[in-house]
């Protein structure tokens, strides 16, 4: 991101550094995930620590929510059912 960009300079002069820095952070995040398409991506956030959640934190959160949703799952292994496929289609 070019700090000397005329649009960023105008934004800084009109609204101040905090707004300009927020816009630059948003542009950096857009470029980080999809620089070509500029799509908004959802992100899991650790609000207690003010940062992105790690993969371990995400999985722990999901498992805790499953245990609350169905108390019968506590202490049991999660098994993936296997499908039996027929050769004739």
C-alpha atoms as a PDB file:
ATOM      1  CA  UNK A   1       0.000   0.000   0.000  1.00  0.00           C
ATOM      2  CA  UNK A   2       1.445   3.312  -1.104  1.00  0.00           C
ATOM      3  CA  UNK A   3       1.394   5.927   1.661  1.00  0.00           C
ATOM      4  CA  UNK A   4       1.858   8.637  -0.974  1.00  0.00           C
ATOM      5  CA  UNK A   5      -1.322   7.676  -2.829  1.00  0.00           C
ATOM      6  CA  UNK A   6      -3.335  10.868  -3.455  1.00  0.00           C
ATOM      7  CA  UNK A   7      -6.566   9.287  -2.216  1.00  0.00           C
ATOM      8  CA  UNK A   8      -4.933   8.196   1.045  1.00  0.00           C
ATOM      9  CA  UNK A   9      -3.354  11.640   1.450  1.00  0.00           C
ATOM     10  CA  UNK A  10      -6.740  13.310   0.988  1.00  0.00           C
ATOM     11  CA  UNK A  11      -8.342  10.867   3.411  1.00  0.00           C
ATOM     12  CA  UNK A  12      -5.635  11.615   5.975  1.00  0.00           C
ATOM     13  CA  UNK A  13      -6.028  15.383   5.605  1.00  0.00           C
ATOM     14  CA  UNK A  14      -9.854  15.235   5.748  1.00  0.00           C
ATOM     15  CA  UNK A  15     -10.346  12.664   8.534  1.00  0.00           C
ATOM     16  CA  UNK A  16      -7.020  12.193  10.323  1.00  0.00           C
ATOM     17  CA  UNK A  17      -4.490   9.420  10.835  1.00  0.00           C
ATOM     18  CA  UNK A  18      -6.746   6.983  12.691  1.00  0.00           C
ATOM     19  CA  UNK A  19      -9.257   6.735   9.818  1.00  0.00           C
ATOM     20  CA  UNK A  20      -6.482   6.526   7.237  1.00  0.00           C
ATOM     21  CA  UNK A  21      -4.774   3.723   9.189  1.00  0.00           C
ATOM     22  CA  UNK A  22      -8.075   1.834   9.483  1.00  0.00           C
ATOM     23  CA  UNK A  23      -8.539   2.022   5.698  1.00  0.00           C
ATOM     24  CA  UNK A  24      -4.957   0.840   5.118  1.00  0.00           C
ATOM     25  CA  UNK A  25      -5.507  -2.096   7.510  1.00  0.00           C
ATOM     26  CA  UNK A  26      -8.669  -3.034   5.626  1.00  0.00           C
ATOM     27  CA  UNK A  27      -6.853  -2.899   2.290  1.00  0.00           C
ATOM     28  CA  UNK A  28      -4.021  -5.051   3.667  1.00  0.00           C
ATOM     29  CA  UNK A  29      -6.522  -7.659   4.850  1.00  0.00           C
ATOM     30  CA  UNK A  30      -8.280  -7.695   1.471  1.00  0.00           C
ATOM     31  CA  UNK A  31      -4.934  -8.186  -0.263  1.00  0.00           C
ATOM     32  CA  UNK A  32      -3.928 -10.913   2.204  1.00  0.00           C
ATOM     33  CA  UNK A  33      -6.896 -13.142   1.395  1.00  0.00           C
ATOM     34  CA  UNK A  34      -7.861 -12.379  -2.174  1.00  0.00           C
ATOM     35  CA  UNK A  35      -5.867  -9.679  -3.875  1.00  0.00           C
ATOM     36  CA  UNK A  36      -7.385 -10.321  -7.275  1.00  0.00           C
ATOM     37  CA  UNK A  37     -11.069 -10.702  -6.428  1.00  0.00           C
ATOM     38  CA  UNK A  38     -11.312  -8.392  -3.375  1.00  0.00           C
ATOM     39  CA  UNK A  39     -13.869 -10.608  -1.662  1.00  0.00           C
ATOM     40  CA  UNK A  40     -14.653 -10.260   2.005  1.00  0.00           C
ATOM     41  CA  UNK A  41     -13.624 -13.357   3.953  1.00  0.00           C
ATOM     42  CA  UNK A  42     -15.039 -14.423   7.299  1.00  0.00           C
ATOM     43  CA  UNK A  43     -12.521 -14.920  10.046  1.00  0.00           C
ATOM     44  CA  UNK A  44     -12.753 -16.601  13.435  1.00  0.00           C
ATOM     45  CA  UNK A  45     -11.677 -14.153  16.116  1.00  0.00           C
ATOM     46  CA  UNK A  46     -10.428 -14.554  19.680  1.00  0.00           C
ATOM     47  CA  UNK A  47     -12.147 -11.567  21.301  1.00  0.00           C
ATOM     48  CA  UNK A  48     -10.573 -12.101  24.723  1.00  0.00           C
ATOM     49  CA  UNK A  49      -7.079 -11.639  23.297  1.00  0.00           C
ATOM     50  CA  UNK A  50      -7.964  -9.329  20.378  1.00  0.00           C
ATOM     51  CA  UNK A  51      -6.486 -11.468  17.590  1.00  0.00           C
ATOM     52  CA  UNK A  52      -7.320 -14.135  15.022  1.00  0.00           C
ATOM     53  CA  UNK A  53      -8.120 -17.508  16.547  1.00  0.00           C
ATOM     54  CA  UNK A  54      -5.715 -20.375  15.983  1.00  0.00           C
ATOM     55  CA  UNK A  55      -6.842 -23.638  14.414  1.00  0.00           C
ATOM     56  CA  UNK A  56      -6.635 -25.349  17.830  1.00  0.00           C
ATOM     57  CA  UNK A  57      -8.871 -22.686  19.374  1.00  0.00           C
ATOM     58  CA  UNK A  58     -11.405 -23.068  16.559  1.00  0.00           C
ATOM     59  CA  UNK A  59     -11.591 -26.850  16.926  1.00  0.00           C
ATOM     60  CA  UNK A  60     -11.835 -26.605  20.723  1.00  0.00           C
ATOM     61  CA  UNK A  61     -14.680 -24.113  20.410  1.00  0.00           C
ATOM     62  CA  UNK A  62     -16.576 -26.340  17.960  1.00  0.00           C
ATOM     63  CA  UNK A  63     -16.173 -29.409  20.188  1.00  0.00           C
ATOM     64  CA  UNK A  64     -17.352 -27.452  23.233  1.00  0.00           C
ATOM     65  CA  UNK A  65     -20.427 -26.288  21.321  1.00  0.00           C
ATOM     66  CA  UNK A  66     -21.167 -29.870  20.243  1.00  0.00           C
ATOM     67  CA  UNK A  67     -20.912 -31.083  23.837  1.00  0.00           C
ATOM     68  CA  UNK A  68     -23.339 -28.389  25.000  1.00  0.00           C
ATOM     69  CA  UNK A  69     -25.741 -29.067  22.121  1.00  0.00           C
ATOM     70  CA  UNK A  70     -25.788 -32.834  22.744  1.00  0.00           C
ATOM     71  CA  UNK A  71     -24.605 -33.844  26.227  1.00  0.00           C
ATOM     72  CA  UNK A  72     -24.695 -37.495  25.161  1.00  0.00           C
ATOM     73  CA  UNK A  73     -21.583 -36.931  23.047  1.00  0.00           C
ATOM     74  CA  UNK A  74     -19.310 -36.209  26.014  1.00  0.00           C
ATOM     75  CA  UNK A  75     -16.535 -38.725  26.414  1.00  0.00           C
ATOM     76  CA  UNK A  76     -17.451 -40.608  23.258  1.00  0.00           C
ATOM     77  CA  UNK A  77     -15.341 -40.917  20.172  1.00  0.00           C
ATOM     78  CA  UNK A  78     -16.538 -39.277  17.017  1.00  0.00           C
ATOM     79  CA  UNK A  79     -16.789 -41.982  14.377  1.00  0.00           C
ATOM     80  CA  UNK A  80     -17.234 -41.343  10.696  1.00  0.00           C
ATOM     81  CA  UNK A  81     -19.693 -43.824   9.235  1.00  0.00           C
ATOM     82  CA  UNK A  82     -18.369 -45.738   6.269  1.00  0.00           C
ATOM     83  CA  UNK A  83     -20.519 -46.059   3.197  1.00  0.00           C
ATOM     84  CA  UNK A  84     -20.807 -49.309   1.359  1.00  0.00           C
ATOM     85  CA  UNK A  85     -20.852 -48.689  -2.329  1.00  0.00           C
ATOM     86  CA  UNK A  86     -22.382 -50.986  -4.851  1.00  0.00           C
ATOM     87  CA  UNK A  87     -20.500 -51.841  -8.012  1.00  0.00           C
ATOM     88  CA  UNK A  88     -23.675 -51.695 -10.066  1.00  0.00           C
ATOM     89  CA  UNK A  89     -24.878 -48.248 -10.979  1.00  0.00           C
END
